[in-house]
């Protein structure tokens, strides 16, 4: 007897594998049942028959091995491991203890939302890097010009133009960040 697998789970696992993420089923269920489900879903590793504290210990050992760990769960027995993980992801239909133990709470009980969270995180990280590169490049050029370091070459910047350019730089950074609203996840 097993819990039914959600329709979206196989696609979510495939996409997570495409990201290069190793999937471990960490469960209190018996090994035979867990391995049958894992084989059907192409899960990389099964760790079964684990008590809640044991789950947190498994996560700690993965972290000690240098692996960042994201844990998705919804039950009371997942709370210690959600807290131990680098990122705890609770499904909104789960228990309040699991929700309070997580950094991310997904409203729906849909595994594809984990993929969406990773996509949003990757796009946000990319935007932050773009904005940092823009601001650094701009300031490396604009500050020396505004300070008058290039006056001998005839390159000057009036204060009002400097203020206008600084405002323009801020607007570019904000507009770039706001473009995340239109990102497809």
Protein backbone atom coordinates (compact mmCIF):
# COMPACT_ATOMS: atom_id res chain seq x y z
CA UNK A 1 0.00 0.00 0.00
CA UNK A 2 1.41 3.38 -0.99
CA UNK A 3 0.23 6.94 -1.14
CA UNK A 4 -0.77 7.91 -4.66
CA UNK A 5 1.88 9.85 -6.58
CA UNK A 6 0.75 13.29 -7.70
CA UNK A 7 0.40 13.72 -11.48
CA UNK A 8 2.98 16.50 -11.57
CA UNK A 9 5.65 14.66 -9.59
CA UNK A 10 7.39 12.85 -12.51
CA UNK A 11 7.74 16.10 -14.48
CA UNK A 12 8.95 17.99 -11.40
CA UNK A 13 11.63 15.37 -10.74
CA UNK A 14 12.71 15.42 -14.39
CA UNK A 15 13.08 19.21 -14.29
CA UNK A 16 14.98 19.09 -11.00
CA UNK A 17 17.34 16.55 -12.58
CA UNK A 18 17.74 18.95 -15.53
CA UNK A 19 18.95 21.54 -12.99
CA UNK A 20 21.55 19.03 -11.84
CA UNK A 21 19.83 18.44 -8.52
CA UNK A 22 20.22 15.06 -6.86
CA UNK A 23 16.89 13.83 -5.46
CA UNK A 24 16.85 11.79 -2.25
CA UNK A 25 13.68 10.29 -0.86
CA UNK A 26 14.08 10.55 2.91
CA UNK A 27 11.14 8.79 4.47
CA UNK A 28 9.86 7.00 7.52
CA UNK A 29 8.08 4.52 5.25
CA UNK A 30 9.44 1.02 4.82
CA UNK A 31 12.23 0.48 2.32
CA UNK A 32 10.30 -1.81 -0.06
CA UNK A 33 7.49 0.69 -0.54
CA UNK A 34 9.89 3.65 -0.84
CA UNK A 35 12.10 1.89 -3.40
CA UNK A 36 9.08 0.94 -5.53
CA UNK A 37 7.95 4.57 -5.65
CA UNK A 38 11.51 5.82 -6.22
CA UNK A 39 12.04 3.44 -9.15
CA UNK A 40 8.83 4.64 -10.78
CA UNK A 41 9.91 8.30 -10.38
CA UNK A 42 13.66 8.01 -11.17
CA UNK A 43 14.64 9.20 -7.70
CA UNK A 44 18.42 9.03 -7.22
CA UNK A 45 18.60 7.60 -3.70
CA UNK A 46 16.24 6.20 -1.08
CA UNK A 47 16.80 6.47 2.65
CA UNK A 48 13.86 4.75 4.34
CA UNK A 49 12.72 3.62 7.78
CA UNK A 50 14.04 6.88 9.25
CA UNK A 51 12.63 8.55 12.36
CA UNK A 52 12.24 12.39 12.42
CA UNK A 53 15.50 12.98 14.31
CA UNK A 54 17.22 10.57 11.94
CA UNK A 55 16.08 12.65 8.98
CA UNK A 56 17.72 15.74 10.47
CA UNK A 57 20.90 13.71 11.06
CA UNK A 58 20.96 12.54 7.43
CA UNK A 59 20.63 16.16 6.29
CA UNK A 60 23.39 17.24 8.68
CA UNK A 61 25.71 14.55 7.29
CA UNK A 62 24.99 15.71 3.72
CA UNK A 63 25.79 19.27 4.76
CA UNK A 64 28.98 18.13 6.50
CA UNK A 65 29.93 16.56 3.16
CA UNK A 66 29.70 19.98 1.55
CA UNK A 67 26.28 19.58 -0.04
CA UNK A 68 23.67 22.33 0.26
CA UNK A 69 20.34 20.72 1.11
CA UNK A 70 16.80 21.76 0.30
CA UNK A 71 14.15 19.70 2.06
CA UNK A 72 10.51 19.60 1.00
CA UNK A 73 7.96 18.19 3.40
CA UNK A 74 4.56 18.66 4.95
CA UNK A 75 4.31 16.63 8.13
CA UNK A 76 5.11 16.97 11.81
CA UNK A 77 7.81 14.35 11.33
CA UNK A 78 9.48 16.61 8.72
CA UNK A 79 9.86 19.62 11.04
CA UNK A 80 13.34 18.79 12.41
CA UNK A 81 14.72 18.15 8.92
CA UNK A 82 13.06 21.25 7.46
CA UNK A 83 14.78 23.28 10.18
CA UNK A 84 18.16 21.57 9.62
CA UNK A 85 18.13 21.98 5.82
CA UNK A 86 19.73 25.00 4.20
CA UNK A 87 16.31 25.69 2.72
CA UNK A 88 13.15 24.18 4.15
CA UNK A 89 10.18 24.05 1.80
CA UNK A 90 6.77 23.26 3.29
CA UNK A 91 3.64 22.58 1.34
CA UNK A 92 0.81 24.83 2.49
CA UNK A 93 -1.52 21.89 2.93
CA UNK A 94 0.90 20.51 5.51
CA UNK A 95 0.94 20.80 9.28
CA UNK A 96 1.49 24.12 11.00
CA UNK A 97 4.67 22.75 12.59
CA UNK A 98 6.14 22.00 9.14
CA UNK A 99 5.10 25.43 7.89
CA UNK A 100 6.70 27.19 10.87
CA UNK A 101 9.90 25.18 10.42
CA UNK A 102 10.40 26.25 6.79
CA UNK A 103 11.82 29.25 5.01
CA UNK A 104 9.51 28.78 2.03
CA UNK A 105 5.85 27.85 2.18
CA UNK A 106 4.14 26.78 -1.03
CA UNK A 107 0.43 27.53 -1.09
CA UNK A 108 -0.53 24.55 -3.23
CA UNK A 109 0.40 20.95 -2.66
CA UNK A 110 2.08 20.71 -6.08
CA UNK A 111 5.66 19.45 -6.58
CA UNK A 112 6.01 21.66 -9.68
CA UNK A 113 5.97 24.65 -7.35
CA UNK A 114 9.38 23.52 -6.04
CA UNK A 115 10.67 23.86 -9.62
CA UNK A 116 9.09 27.31 -9.84
CA UNK A 117 10.79 28.38 -6.59
CA UNK A 118 14.17 27.32 -7.98
CA UNK A 119 13.49 29.12 -11.28
CA UNK A 120 12.51 32.31 -9.46
CA UNK A 121 15.60 32.05 -7.26
CA UNK A 122 17.90 31.58 -10.26
CA UNK A 123 16.34 34.52 -12.10
CA UNK A 124 16.53 36.71 -8.98
CA UNK A 125 20.18 35.79 -8.47
CA UNK A 126 20.90 36.63 -12.11
CA UNK A 127 19.19 40.04 -11.77
CA UNK A 128 21.18 40.80 -8.63
CA UNK A 129 24.43 40.01 -10.46
CA UNK A 130 23.37 42.15 -13.45
CA UNK A 131 22.50 45.07 -11.17
CA UNK A 132 25.74 44.72 -9.22
CA UNK A 133 27.75 44.65 -12.45
CA UNK A 134 25.92 47.70 -13.78
CA UNK A 135 26.29 49.70 -10.57
CA UNK A 136 29.96 48.75 -10.15
CA UNK A 137 30.80 49.58 -13.77
CA UNK A 138 28.91 52.83 -13.64
CA UNK A 139 30.55 53.91 -10.38
CA UNK A 140 34.04 52.92 -11.56
CA UNK A 141 33.62 55.38 -14.42
CA UNK A 142 31.35 58.08 -13.00
CA UNK A 143 32.99 58.66 -9.61
CA UNK A 144 36.48 59.43 -10.97
CA UNK A 145 34.95 61.70 -13.62
CA UNK A 146 32.80 63.48 -11.00
CA UNK A 147 35.84 63.81 -8.71
CA UNK A 148 37.67 65.67 -11.47
CA UNK A 149 40.40 63.11 -12.11
CA UNK A 150 40.11 63.63 -15.87
CA UNK A 151 39.98 67.45 -15.95
CA UNK A 152 43.44 67.57 -17.53
CA UNK A 153 41.99 65.60 -20.47
CA UNK A 154 39.07 68.00 -20.78
CA UNK A 155 36.56 65.57 -19.28
CA UNK A 156 34.43 67.19 -16.60
CA UNK A 157 31.05 66.52 -15.13
CA UNK A 158 28.87 69.28 -13.79
CA UNK A 159 27.19 68.42 -10.44
CA UNK A 160 23.68 68.64 -11.88
CA UNK A 161 24.61 66.17 -14.63
CA UNK A 162 26.22 63.88 -12.08
CA UNK A 163 23.03 63.90 -10.00
CA UNK A 164 20.93 63.23 -13.10
CA UNK A 165 23.18 60.35 -14.19
CA UNK A 166 23.14 58.87 -10.69
CA UNK A 167 19.33 58.97 -10.72
CA UNK A 168 19.33 57.37 -14.16
CA UNK A 169 21.59 54.60 -12.86
CA UNK A 170 19.20 53.95 -9.99
CA UNK A 171 16.24 53.88 -12.36
CA UNK A 172 18.02 51.36 -14.60
CA UNK A 173 18.75 49.08 -11.63
CA UNK A 174 15.16 49.28 -10.37
CA UNK A 175 13.70 48.73 -13.87
CA UNK A 176 15.95 45.71 -14.35
CA UNK A 177 14.80 44.26 -11.01
CA UNK A 178 11.15 44.96 -11.82
CA UNK A 179 11.50 43.04 -15.07
CA UNK A 180 11.34 39.90 -12.90
CA UNK A 181 7.57 40.40 -12.84
CA UNK A 182 7.49 39.33 -16.48
CA UNK A 183 9.83 36.36 -16.09
CA UNK A 184 8.38 33.01 -17.08
CA UNK A 185 8.78 30.39 -14.38
